[in-house]
Amino acid sequence: EFVAAIRWSAGSTYYADSVKGRFTISRDNAKNTVYLQMNSLK
């Protein structure tokens, strides 16, 4: 199932309803790395 996505250039983010407000997707251009910060885990 889908959790989150990010458009690399624009930085636009998208989330599944089940994780919205708890998870954050981001990217670091210099490190070529995408992150998923997950808080309030269930």
PDB file of all heavy atoms in Angstrom:
ATOM      1  N   GLU A   1       0.815  -1.206   0.000  1.00  0.00           N
ATOM      2  CA  GLU A   1       0.000   0.000   0.000  1.00  0.00           C
ATOM      3  C   GLU A   1       0.852   1.260   0.000  1.00  0.00           C
ATOM      4  O   GLU A   1       1.960   1.285   0.535  1.00  0.00           O
ATOM      5  CB  GLU A   1      -0.952   0.017   1.211  1.00  0.00           C
ATOM      6  CG  GLU A   1      -0.265   0.111   2.548  1.00  0.00           C
ATOM      7  CD  GLU A   1      -1.258   0.303   3.696  1.00  0.00           C
ATOM      8  OE1 GLU A   1      -2.477   0.420   3.436  1.00  0.00           O
ATOM      9  OE2 GLU A   1      -0.808   0.356   4.858  1.00  0.00           O
ATOM     10  N   PHE A   2       0.293   2.283  -0.583  1.00  0.00           N
ATOM     11  CA  PHE A   2       0.946   3.579  -0.667  1.00  0.00           C
ATOM     12  C   PHE A   2       1.032   4.231   0.708  1.00  0.00           C
ATOM     13  O   PHE A   2       0.076   4.190   1.494  1.00  0.00           O
ATOM     14  CB  PHE A   2       0.153   4.475  -1.620  1.00  0.00           C
ATOM     15  CG  PHE A   2       0.599   5.907  -1.649  1.00  0.00           C
ATOM     16  CD1 PHE A   2       1.748   6.271  -2.333  1.00  0.00           C
ATOM     17  CD2 PHE A   2      -0.132   6.887  -0.995  1.00  0.00           C
ATOM     18  CE1 PHE A   2       2.160   7.584  -2.364  1.00  0.00           C
ATOM     19  CE2 PHE A   2       0.263   8.207  -1.013  1.00  0.00           C
ATOM     20  CZ  PHE A   2       1.408   8.559  -1.701  1.00  0.00           C
ATOM     21  N   VAL A   3       2.179   4.846   0.981  1.00  0.00           N
ATOM     22  CA  VAL A   3       2.357   5.576   2.233  1.00  0.00           C
ATOM     23  C   VAL A   3       2.555   7.063   1.951  1.00  0.00           C
ATOM     24  O   VAL A   3       1.831   7.901   2.490  1.00  0.00           O
ATOM     25  CB  VAL A   3       3.571   5.032   3.017  1.00  0.00           C
ATOM     26  CG1 VAL A   3       3.818   5.874   4.266  1.00  0.00           C
ATOM     27  CG2 VAL A   3       3.363   3.567   3.381  1.00  0.00           C
ATOM     28  N   ALA A   4       3.545   7.381   1.117  1.00  0.00           N
ATOM     29  CA  ALA A   4       3.855   8.790   0.847  1.00  0.00           C
ATOM     30  C   ALA A   4       4.686   8.878  -0.427  1.00  0.00           C
ATOM     31  O   ALA A   4       5.307   7.898  -0.846  1.00  0.00           O
ATOM     32  CB  ALA A   4       4.624   9.421   2.011  1.00  0.00           C
ATOM     33  N   ALA A   5       4.691  10.071  -1.015  1.00  0.00           N
ATOM     34  CA  ALA A   5       5.492  10.301  -2.211  1.00  0.00           C
ATOM     35  C   ALA A   5       5.929  11.757  -2.266  1.00  0.00           C
ATOM     36  O   ALA A   5       5.293  12.634  -1.661  1.00  0.00           O
ATOM     37  CB  ALA A   5       4.709   9.938  -3.472  1.00  0.00           C
ATOM     38  N   ILE A   6       7.004  11.987  -3.011  1.00  0.00           N
ATOM     39  CA  ILE A   6       7.519  13.331  -3.186  1.00  0.00           C
ATOM     40  C   ILE A   6       8.036  13.483  -4.612  1.00  0.00           C
ATOM     41  O   ILE A   6       8.695  12.585  -5.137  1.00  0.00           O
ATOM     42  CB  ILE A   6       8.633  13.639  -2.148  1.00  0.00           C
ATOM     43  CG1 ILE A   6       9.089  15.090  -2.245  1.00  0.00           C
ATOM     44  CG2 ILE A   6       9.812  12.677  -2.301  1.00  0.00           C
ATOM     45  CD1 ILE A   6       9.958  15.531  -1.063  1.00  0.00           C
ATOM     46  N   ARG A   7       7.706  14.588  -5.230  1.00  0.00           N
ATOM     47  CA  ARG A   7       8.257  14.898  -6.550  1.00  0.00           C
ATOM     48  C   ARG A   7       9.618  15.554  -6.302  1.00  0.00           C
ATOM     49  O   ARG A   7       9.690  16.596  -5.633  1.00  0.00           O
ATOM     50  CB  ARG A   7       7.343  15.829  -7.316  1.00  0.00           C
ATOM     51  CG  ARG A   7       5.965  15.234  -7.582  1.00  0.00           C
ATOM     52  CD  ARG A   7       5.198  16.083  -8.564  1.00  0.00           C
ATOM     53  NE  ARG A   7       3.779  15.753  -8.607  1.00  0.00           N
ATOM     54  CZ  ARG A   7       3.244  14.798  -9.332  1.00  0.00           C
ATOM     55  NH1 ARG A   7       4.019  14.040 -10.103  1.00  0.00           N
ATOM     56  NH2 ARG A   7       1.930  14.589  -9.304  1.00  0.00           N
ATOM     57  N   TRP A   8      10.667  14.943  -6.851  1.00  0.00           N
ATOM     58  CA  TRP A   8      12.006  15.343  -6.448  1.00  0.00           C
ATOM     59  C   TRP A   8      12.278  16.817  -6.721  1.00  0.00           C
ATOM     60  O   TRP A   8      12.792  17.534  -5.883  1.00  0.00           O
ATOM     61  CB  TRP A   8      13.042  14.476  -7.171  1.00  0.00           C
ATOM     62  CG  TRP A   8      14.383  14.587  -6.514  1.00  0.00           C
ATOM     63  CD1 TRP A   8      15.225  15.660  -6.533  1.00  0.00           C
ATOM     64  CD2 TRP A   8      15.027  13.589  -5.720  1.00  0.00           C
ATOM     65  NE1 TRP A   8      16.345  15.384  -5.799  1.00  0.00           N
ATOM     66  CE2 TRP A   8      16.255  14.136  -5.295  1.00  0.00           C
ATOM     67  CE3 TRP A   8      14.677  12.303  -5.336  1.00  0.00           C
ATOM     68  CZ2 TRP A   8      17.142  13.423  -4.493  1.00  0.00           C
ATOM     69  CZ3 TRP A   8      15.571  11.594  -4.536  1.00  0.00           C
ATOM     70  CH2 TRP A   8      16.777  12.147  -4.127  1.00  0.00           C
ATOM     71  N   SER A   9      11.938  17.295  -7.914  1.00  0.00           N
ATOM     72  CA  SER A   9      12.262  18.679  -8.266  1.00  0.00           C
ATOM     73  C   SER A   9      11.404  19.684  -7.509  1.00  0.00           C
ATOM     74  O   SER A   9      11.920  20.607  -6.883  1.00  0.00           O
ATOM     75  CB  SER A   9      12.085  18.887  -9.771  1.00  0.00           C
ATOM     76  OG  SER A   9      13.058  18.183 -10.487  1.00  0.00           O
ATOM     77  N   ALA A  10      10.104  19.480  -7.567  1.00  0.00           N
ATOM     78  CA  ALA A  10       9.183  20.460  -6.988  1.00  0.00           C
ATOM     79  C   ALA A  10       9.092  20.340  -5.472  1.00  0.00           C
ATOM     80  O   ALA A  10       8.739  21.310  -4.796  1.00  0.00           O
ATOM     81  CB  ALA A  10       7.806  20.302  -7.603  1.00  0.00           C
ATOM     82  N   GLY A  11       9.336  19.143  -4.959  1.00  0.00           N
ATOM     83  CA  GLY A  11       9.195  18.929  -3.531  1.00  0.00           C
ATOM     84  C   GLY A  11       7.767  18.723  -3.074  1.00  0.00           C
ATOM     85  O   GLY A  11       7.508  18.669  -1.869  1.00  0.00           O
ATOM     86  N   SER A  12       6.847  18.601  -4.025  1.00  0.00           N
ATOM     87  CA  SER A  12       5.445  18.362  -3.665  1.00  0.00           C
ATOM     88  C   SER A  12       5.318  17.008  -2.975  1.00  0.00           C
ATOM     89  O   SER A  12       5.933  16.033  -3.395  1.00  0.00           O
ATOM     90  CB  SER A  12       4.576  18.366  -4.925  1.00  0.00           C
ATOM     91  OG  SER A  12       4.802  19.512  -5.697  1.00  0.00           O
ATOM     92  N   THR A  13       4.506  16.971  -1.935  1.00  0.00           N
ATOM     93  CA  THR A  13       4.361  15.738  -1.159  1.00  0.00           C
ATOM     94  C   THR A  13       2.917  15.249  -1.150  1.00  0.00           C
ATOM     95  O   THR A  13       1.975  16.044  -1.265  1.00  0.00           O
ATOM     96  CB  THR A  13       4.839  15.952   0.278  1.00  0.00           C
ATOM     97  OG1 THR A  13       4.085  17.015   0.872  1.00  0.00           O
ATOM     98  CG2 THR A  13       6.316  16.301   0.327  1.00  0.00           C
ATOM     99  N   TYR A  14       2.787  13.947  -0.986  1.00  0.00           N
ATOM    100  CA  TYR A  14       1.481  13.288  -0.997  1.00  0.00           C
ATOM    101  C   TYR A  14       1.499  12.209   0.074  1.00  0.00           C
ATOM    102  O   TYR A  14       2.513  11.542   0.261  1.00  0.00           O
ATOM    103  CB  TYR A  14       1.213  12.661  -2.373  1.00  0.00           C
ATOM    104  CG  TYR A  14       1.368  13.637  -3.498  1.00  0.00           C
ATOM    105  CD1 TYR A  14       2.622  13.941  -4.022  1.00  0.00           C
ATOM    106  CD2 TYR A  14       0.266  14.271  -4.042  1.00  0.00           C
ATOM    107  CE1 TYR A  14       2.782  14.850  -5.041  1.00  0.00           C
ATOM    108  CE2 TYR A  14       0.409  15.192  -5.078  1.00  0.00           C
ATOM    109  CZ  TYR A  14       1.670  15.475  -5.568  1.00  0.00           C
ATOM    110  OH  TYR A  14       1.807  16.381  -6.583  1.00  0.00           O
ATOM    111  N   TYR A  15       0.365  12.031   0.745  1.00  0.00           N
ATOM    112  CA  TYR A  15       0.302  11.071   1.843  1.00  0.00           C
ATOM    113  C   TYR A  15      -0.977  10.251   1.794  1.00  0.00           C
ATOM    114  O   TYR A  15      -2.029  10.726   1.366  1.00  0.00           O
ATOM    115  CB  TYR A  15       0.344  11.814   3.186  1.00  0.00           C
ATOM    116  CG  TYR A  15       1.632  12.563   3.432  1.00  0.00           C
ATOM    117  CD1 TYR A  15       1.736  13.909   3.129  1.00  0.00           C
ATOM    118  CD2 TYR A  15       2.741  11.909   3.974  1.00  0.00           C
ATOM    119  CE1 TYR A  15       2.919  14.606   3.336  1.00  0.00           C
ATOM    120  CE2 TYR A  15       3.924  12.591   4.185  1.00  0.00           C
ATOM    121  CZ  TYR A  15       4.008  13.937   3.871  1.00  0.00           C
ATOM    122  OH  TYR A  15       5.177  14.613   4.073  1.00  0.00           O
ATOM    123  N   ALA A  16      -0.861   9.028   2.273  1.00  0.00           N
ATOM    124  CA  ALA A  16      -2.056   8.240   2.522  1.00  0.00           C
ATOM    125  C   ALA A  16      -2.784   8.848   3.714  1.00  0.00           C
ATOM    126  O   ALA A  16      -2.150   9.379   4.640  1.00  0.00           O
ATOM    127  CB  ALA A  16      -1.675   6.792   2.817  1.00  0.00           C
ATOM    128  N   ASP A  17      -4.090   8.749   3.709  1.00  0.00           N
ATOM    129  CA  ASP A  17      -4.873   9.323   4.807  1.00  0.00           C
ATOM    130  C   ASP A  17      -4.466   8.730   6.157  1.00  0.00           C
ATOM    131  O   ASP A  17      -4.503   9.416   7.183  1.00  0.00           O
ATOM    132  CB  ASP A  17      -6.368   9.076   4.570  1.00  0.00           C
ATOM    133  CG  ASP A  17      -6.922   9.930   3.441  1.00  0.00           C
ATOM    134  OD1 ASP A  17      -6.264  10.918   3.060  1.00  0.00           O
ATOM    135  OD2 ASP A  17      -8.021   9.602   2.947  1.00  0.00           O
ATOM    136  N   SER A  18      -4.074   7.466   6.144  1.00  0.00           N
ATOM    137  CA  SER A  18      -3.762   6.775   7.394  1.00  0.00           C
ATOM    138  C   SER A  18      -2.498   7.301   8.075  1.00  0.00           C
ATOM    139  O   SER A  18      -2.293   7.051   9.264  1.00  0.00           O
ATOM    140  CB  SER A  18      -3.616   5.281   7.128  1.00  0.00           C
ATOM    141  OG  SER A  18      -2.587   5.034   6.192  1.00  0.00           O
ATOM    142  N   VAL A  19      -1.649   8.018   7.334  1.00  0.00           N
ATOM    143  CA  VAL A  19      -0.401   8.504   7.919  1.00  0.00           C
ATOM    144  C   VAL A  19      -0.313  10.030   7.949  1.00  0.00           C
ATOM    145  O   VAL A  19       0.637  10.583   8.520  1.00  0.00           O
ATOM    146  CB  VAL A  19       0.822   7.931   7.180  1.00  0.00           C
ATOM    147  CG1 VAL A  19       0.748   6.407   7.108  1.00  0.00           C
ATOM    148  CG2 VAL A  19       0.984   8.537   5.794  1.00  0.00           C
ATOM    149  N   LYS A  20      -1.288  10.687   7.351  1.00  0.00           N
ATOM    150  CA  LYS A  20      -1.244  12.149   7.263  1.00  0.00           C
ATOM    151  C   LYS A  20      -1.204  12.749   8.661  1.00  0.00           C
ATOM    152  O   LYS A  20      -1.965  12.360   9.548  1.00  0.00           O
ATOM    153  CB  LYS A  20      -2.475  12.640   6.497  1.00  0.00           C
ATOM    154  CG  LYS A  20      -2.335  14.009   5.888  1.00  0.00           C
ATOM    155  CD  LYS A  20      -3.521  14.315   4.977  1.00  0.00           C
ATOM    156  CE  LYS A  20      -3.544  13.416   3.768  1.00  0.00           C
ATOM    157  NZ  LYS A  20      -4.655  13.756   2.838  1.00  0.00           N
ATOM    158  N   GLY A  21      -0.287  13.688   8.863  1.00  0.00           N
ATOM    159  CA  GLY A  21      -0.144  14.321  10.164  1.00  0.00           C
ATOM    160  C   GLY A  21       0.832  13.610  11.083  1.00  0.00           C
ATOM    161  O   GLY A  21       1.240  14.158  12.108  1.00  0.00           O
ATOM    162  N   ARG A  22       1.199  12.376  10.728  1.00  0.00           N
ATOM    163  CA  ARG A  22       2.150  11.616  11.552  1.00  0.00           C
ATOM    164  C   ARG A  22       3.471  11.366  10.816  1.00  0.00           C
ATOM    165  O   ARG A  22       4.529  11.318  11.455  1.00  0.00           O
ATOM    166  CB  ARG A  22       1.545  10.268  11.945  1.00  0.00           C
ATOM    167  CG  ARG A  22       0.269  10.373  12.756  1.00  0.00           C
ATOM    168  CD  ARG A  22      -0.161   8.997  13.276  1.00  0.00           C
ATOM    169  NE  ARG A  22      -0.489   8.060  12.195  1.00  0.00           N
ATOM    170  CZ  ARG A  22       0.117   6.895  12.027  1.00  0.00           C
ATOM    171  NH1 ARG A  22       1.063   6.494  12.862  1.00  0.00           N
ATOM    172  NH2 ARG A  22      -0.239   6.087  11.017  1.00  0.00           N
ATOM    173  N   PHE A  23       3.406  11.185   9.507  1.00  0.00           N
ATOM    174  CA  PHE A  23       4.597  10.890   8.712  1.00  0.00           C
ATOM    175  C   PHE A  23       4.958  12.099   7.859  1.00  0.00           C
ATOM    176  O   PHE A  23       4.074  12.851   7.418  1.00  0.00           O
ATOM    177  CB  PHE A  23       4.342   9.708   7.778  1.00  0.00           C
ATOM    178  CG  PHE A  23       4.209   8.369   8.457  1.00  0.00           C
ATOM    179  CD1 PHE A  23       4.088   8.241   9.836  1.00  0.00           C
ATOM    180  CD2 PHE A  23       4.208   7.206   7.702  1.00  0.00           C
ATOM    181  CE1 PHE A  23       3.951   7.007  10.453  1.00  0.00           C
ATOM    182  CE2 PHE A  23       4.088   5.965   8.289  1.00  0.00           C
ATOM    183  CZ  PHE A  23       3.953   5.869   9.663  1.00  0.00           C
ATOM    184  N   THR A  24       6.258  12.254   7.610  1.00  0.00           N
ATOM    185  CA  THR A  24       6.739  13.326   6.754  1.00  0.00           C
ATOM    186  C   THR A  24       7.776  12.777   5.790  1.00  0.00           C
ATOM    187  O   THR A  24       8.756  12.175   6.223  1.00  0.00           O
ATOM    188  CB  THR A  24       7.361  14.465   7.559  1.00  0.00           C
ATOM    189  OG1 THR A  24       6.402  14.971   8.507  1.00  0.00           O
ATOM    190  CG2 THR A  24       7.791  15.604   6.646  1.00  0.00           C
ATOM    191  N   ILE A  25       7.563  12.995   4.501  1.00  0.00           N
ATOM    192  CA  ILE A  25       8.538  12.597   3.491  1.00  0.00           C
ATOM    193  C   ILE A  25       9.330  13.829   3.086  1.00  0.00           C
ATOM    194  O   ILE A  25       8.782  14.931   2.975  1.00  0.00           O
ATOM    195  CB  ILE A  25       7.842  11.940   2.269  1.00  0.00           C
ATOM    196  CG1 ILE A  25       8.870  11.353   1.308  1.00  0.00           C
ATOM    197  CG2 ILE A  25       6.908  12.924   1.569  1.00  0.00           C
ATOM    198  CD1 ILE A  25       8.255  10.497   0.200  1.00  0.00           C
ATOM    199  N   SER A  26      10.630  13.623   2.878  1.00  0.00           N
ATOM    200  CA  SER A  26      11.494  14.735   2.463  1.00  0.00           C
ATOM    201  C   SER A  26      12.645  14.177   1.653  1.00  0.00           C
ATOM    202  O   SER A  26      12.847  12.967   1.582  1.00  0.00           O
ATOM    203  CB  SER A  26      12.011  15.487   3.686  1.00  0.00           C
ATOM    204  OG  SER A  26      12.803  14.642   4.499  1.00  0.00           O
ATOM    205  N   ARG A  27      13.414  15.064   1.016  1.00  0.00           N
ATOM    206  CA  ARG A  27      14.577  14.617   0.267  1.00  0.00           C
ATOM    207  C   ARG A  27      15.729  15.587   0.467  1.00  0.00           C
ATOM    208  O   ARG A  27      15.519  16.782   0.695  1.00  0.00           O
ATOM    209  CB  ARG A  27      14.267  14.392  -1.217  1.00  0.00           C
ATOM    210  CG  ARG A  27      14.324  15.598  -2.164  1.00  0.00           C
ATOM    211  CD  ARG A  27      13.435  16.527  -2.138  1.00  0.00           C
ATOM    212  NE  ARG A  27      13.315  17.501  -3.176  1.00  0.00           N
ATOM    213  CZ  ARG A  27      13.142  18.751  -2.845  1.00  0.00           C
ATOM    214  NH1 ARG A  27      13.203  19.115  -1.593  1.00  0.00           N
ATOM    215  NH2 ARG A  27      12.909  19.634  -3.784  1.00  0.00           N
ATOM    216  N   ASP A  28      16.921  15.024   0.380  1.00  0.00           N
ATOM    217  CA  ASP A  28      18.151  15.798   0.491  1.00  0.00           C
ATOM    218  C   ASP A  28      18.858  15.698  -0.856  1.00  0.00           C
ATOM    219  O   ASP A  28      19.376  14.646  -1.214  1.00  0.00           O
ATOM    220  CB  ASP A  28      19.018  15.224   1.613  1.00  0.00           C
ATOM    221  CG  ASP A  28      20.275  16.056   1.851  1.00  0.00           C
ATOM    222  OD1 ASP A  28      20.847  16.585   0.877  1.00  0.00           O
ATOM    223  OD2 ASP A  28      20.693  16.143   3.011  1.00  0.00           O
ATOM    224  N   ASN A  29      18.859  16.792  -1.582  1.00  0.00           N
ATOM    225  CA  ASN A  29      19.433  16.773  -2.935  1.00  0.00           C
ATOM    226  C   ASN A  29      20.923  16.443  -2.911  1.00  0.00           C
ATOM    227  O   ASN A  29      21.420  15.697  -3.750  1.00  0.00           O
ATOM    228  CB  ASN A  29      19.225  18.122  -3.613  1.00  0.00           C
ATOM    229  CG  ASN A  29      17.777  18.359  -3.964  1.00  0.00           C
ATOM    230  OD1 ASN A  29      17.020  17.424  -4.181  1.00  0.00           O
ATOM    231  ND2 ASN A  29      17.375  19.615  -4.009  1.00  0.00           N
ATOM    232  N   ALA A  30      21.632  16.986  -1.964  1.00  0.00           N
ATOM    233  CA  ALA A  30      23.080  16.790  -1.901  1.00  0.00           C
ATOM    234  C   ALA A  30      23.445  15.333  -1.637  1.00  0.00           C
ATOM    235  O   ALA A  30      24.450  14.835  -2.135  1.00  0.00           O
ATOM    236  CB  ALA A  30      23.678  17.692  -0.829  1.00  0.00           C
ATOM    237  N   LYS A  31      22.613  14.659  -0.851  1.00  0.00           N
ATOM    238  CA  LYS A  31      22.901  13.264  -0.486  1.00  0.00           C
ATOM    239  C   LYS A  31      22.143  12.270  -1.361  1.00  0.00           C
ATOM    240  O   LYS A  31      22.306  11.060  -1.185  1.00  0.00           O
ATOM    241  CB  LYS A  31      22.551  13.021   0.976  1.00  0.00           C
ATOM    242  CG  LYS A  31      23.393  13.830   1.951  1.00  0.00           C
ATOM    243  CD  LYS A  31      23.046  13.498   3.389  1.00  0.00           C
ATOM    244  CE  LYS A  31      23.927  14.269   4.355  1.00  0.00           C
ATOM    245  NZ  LYS A  31      23.597  13.967   5.766  1.00  0.00           N
ATOM    246  N   ASN A  32      21.309  12.766  -2.261  1.00  0.00           N
ATOM    247  CA  ASN A  32      20.488  11.882  -3.094  1.00  0.00           C
ATOM    248  C   ASN A  32      19.717  10.884  -2.238  1.00  0.00           C
ATOM    249  O   ASN A  32      19.671   9.671  -2.539  1.00  0.00           O
ATOM    250  CB  ASN A  32      21.362  11.127  -4.096  1.00  0.00           C
ATOM    251  CG  ASN A  32      21.121  11.589  -5.519  1.00  0.00           C
ATOM    252  OD1 ASN A  32      20.597  12.673  -5.750  1.00  0.00           O
ATOM    253  ND2 ASN A  32      21.498  10.763  -6.475  1.00  0.00           N
ATOM    254  N   THR A  33      19.133  11.385  -1.187  1.00  0.00           N
ATOM    255  CA  THR A  33      18.461  10.520  -0.214  1.00  0.00           C
ATOM    256  C   THR A  33      17.055  11.041   0.072  1.00  0.00           C
ATOM    257  O   THR A  33      16.848  12.247   0.176  1.00  0.00           O
ATOM    258  CB  THR A  33      19.274  10.443   1.092  1.00  0.00           C
ATOM    259  OG1 THR A  33      20.565   9.891   0.800  1.00  0.00           O
ATOM    260  CG2 THR A  33      18.574   9.578   2.129  1.00  0.00           C
ATOM    261  N   VAL A  34      16.137  10.114   0.187  1.00  0.00           N
ATOM    262  CA  VAL A  34      14.763  10.416   0.562  1.00  0.00           C
ATOM    263  C   VAL A  34      14.523   9.860   1.957  1.00  0.00           C
ATOM    264  O   VAL A  34      14.985   8.763   2.277  1.00  0.00           O
ATOM    265  CB  VAL A  34      13.770   9.798  -0.436  1.00  0.00           C
ATOM    266  CG1 VAL A  34      12.329  10.050   0.005  1.00  0.00           C
ATOM    267  CG2 VAL A  34      14.003  10.370  -1.827  1.00  0.00           C
ATOM    268  N   TYR A  35      13.805  10.608   2.759  1.00  0.00           N
ATOM    269  CA  TYR A  35      13.546  10.212   4.140  1.00  0.00           C
ATOM    270  C   TYR A  35      12.044  10.057   4.380  1.00  0.00           C
ATOM    271  O   TYR A  35      11.223  10.700   3.727  1.00  0.00           O
ATOM    272  CB  TYR A  35      14.088  11.268   5.111  1.00  0.00           C
ATOM    273  CG  TYR A  35      15.563  11.520   4.967  1.00  0.00           C
ATOM    274  CD1 TYR A  35      16.037  12.621   4.254  1.00  0.00           C
ATOM    275  CD2 TYR A  35      16.494  10.659   5.545  1.00  0.00           C
ATOM    276  CE1 TYR A  35      17.388  12.859   4.117  1.00  0.00           C
ATOM    277  CE2 TYR A  35      17.855  10.890   5.420  1.00  0.00           C
ATOM    278  CZ  TYR A  35      18.290  11.992   4.704  1.00  0.00           C
ATOM    279  OH  TYR A  35      19.643  12.215   4.572  1.00  0.00           O
ATOM    280  N   LEU A  36      11.733   9.218   5.344  1.00  0.00           N
ATOM    281  CA  LEU A  36      10.363   9.116   5.836  1.00  0.00           C
ATOM    282  C   LEU A  36      10.429   9.183   7.354  1.00  0.00           C
ATOM    283  O   LEU A  36      10.858   8.230   8.001  1.00  0.00           O
ATOM    284  CB  LEU A  36       9.691   7.817   5.386  1.00  0.00           C
ATOM    285  CG  LEU A  36       8.214   7.702   5.764  1.00  0.00           C
ATOM    286  CD1 LEU A  36       7.383   8.725   4.981  1.00  0.00           C
ATOM    287  CD2 LEU A  36       7.684   6.294   5.511  1.00  0.00           C
ATOM    288  N   GLN A  37      10.068  10.334   7.884  1.00  0.00           N
ATOM    289  CA  GLN A  37      10.008  10.506   9.338  1.00  0.00           C
ATOM    290  C   GLN A  37       8.652  10.024   9.813  1.00  0.00           C
ATOM    291  O   GLN A  37       7.621  10.541   9.365  1.00  0.00           O
ATOM    292  CB  GLN A  37      10.210  11.979   9.709  1.00  0.00           C
ATOM    293  CG  GLN A  37      10.108  12.258  11.201  1.00  0.00           C
ATOM    294  CD  GLN A  37      11.223  11.614  11.999  1.00  0.00           C
ATOM    295  OE1 GLN A  37      12.384  11.661  11.604  1.00  0.00           O
ATOM    296  NE2 GLN A  37      10.872  11.012  13.129  1.00  0.00           N
ATOM    297  N   MET A  38       8.673   9.053  10.713  1.00  0.00           N
ATOM    298  CA  MET A  38       7.432   8.450  11.187  1.00  0.00           C
ATOM    299  C   MET A  38       7.293   8.704  12.687  1.00  0.00           C
ATOM    300  O   MET A  38       8.132   8.253  13.470  1.00  0.00           O
ATOM    301  CB  MET A  38       7.442   6.938  10.902  1.00  0.00           C
ATOM    302  CG  MET A  38       7.711   6.597   9.451  1.00  0.00           C
ATOM    303  SD  MET A  38       7.543   4.839   9.089  1.00  0.00           S
ATOM    304  CE  MET A  38       8.882   4.176  10.064  1.00  0.00           C
ATOM    305  N   ASN A  39       6.270   9.448  13.056  1.00  0.00           N
ATOM    306  CA  ASN A  39       5.997   9.770  14.455  1.00  0.00           C
ATOM    307  C   ASN A  39       4.673   9.157  14.894  1.00  0.00           C
ATOM    308  O   ASN A  39       3.851   8.768  14.059  1.00  0.00           O
ATOM    309  CB  ASN A  39       5.952  11.288  14.639  1.00  0.00           C
ATOM    310  CG  ASN A  39       7.258  11.964  14.305  1.00  0.00           C
ATOM    311  OD1 ASN A  39       8.347  11.399  14.467  1.00  0.00           O
ATOM    312  ND2 ASN A  39       7.183  13.192  13.818  1.00  0.00           N
ATOM    313  N   SER A  40       4.477   9.100  16.184  1.00  0.00           N
ATOM    314  CA  SER A  40       3.229   8.565  16.747  1.00  0.00           C
ATOM    315  C   SER A  40       2.869   7.231  16.108  1.00  0.00           C
ATOM    316  O   SER A  40       1.731   7.000  15.680  1.00  0.00           O
ATOM    317  CB  SER A  40       2.085   9.572  16.538  1.00  0.00           C
ATOM    318  OG  SER A  40       2.395  10.813  17.130  1.00  0.00           O
ATOM    319  N   LEU A  41       3.840   6.344  16.071  1.00  0.00           N
ATOM    320  CA  LEU A  41       3.645   5.066  15.395  1.00  0.00           C
ATOM    321  C   LEU A  41       2.589   4.216  16.101  1.00  0.00           C
ATOM    322  O   LEU A  41       2.465   4.235  17.332  1.00  0.00           O
ATOM    323  CB  LEU A  41       4.963   4.323  15.303  1.00  0.00           C
ATOM    324  CG  LEU A  41       5.903   4.856  14.205  1.00  0.00           C
ATOM    325  CD1 LEU A  41       7.339   4.410  14.440  1.00  0.00           C
ATOM    326  CD2 LEU A  41       5.423   4.405  12.837  1.00  0.00           C
ATOM    327  N   LYS A  42       1.866   3.468  15.270  1.00  0.00           N
ATOM    328  CA  LYS A  42       0.811   2.582  15.752  1.00  0.00           C
ATOM    329  C   LYS A  42       1.129   1.154  15.325  1.00  0.00           C
ATOM    330  O   LYS A  42       1.902   0.935  14.384  1.00  0.00           O
ATOM    331  CB  LYS A  42      -0.531   3.002  15.152  1.00  0.00           C
ATOM    332  CG  LYS A  42      -0.904   4.452  15.381  1.00  0.00           C
ATOM    333  CD  LYS A  42      -2.192   4.794  14.646  1.00  0.00           C
ATOM    334  CE  LYS A  42      -2.573   6.250  14.824  1.00  0.00           C
ATOM    335  NZ  LYS A  42      -3.821   6.593  14.102  1.00  0.00           N
TER     336      LYS A  42
END
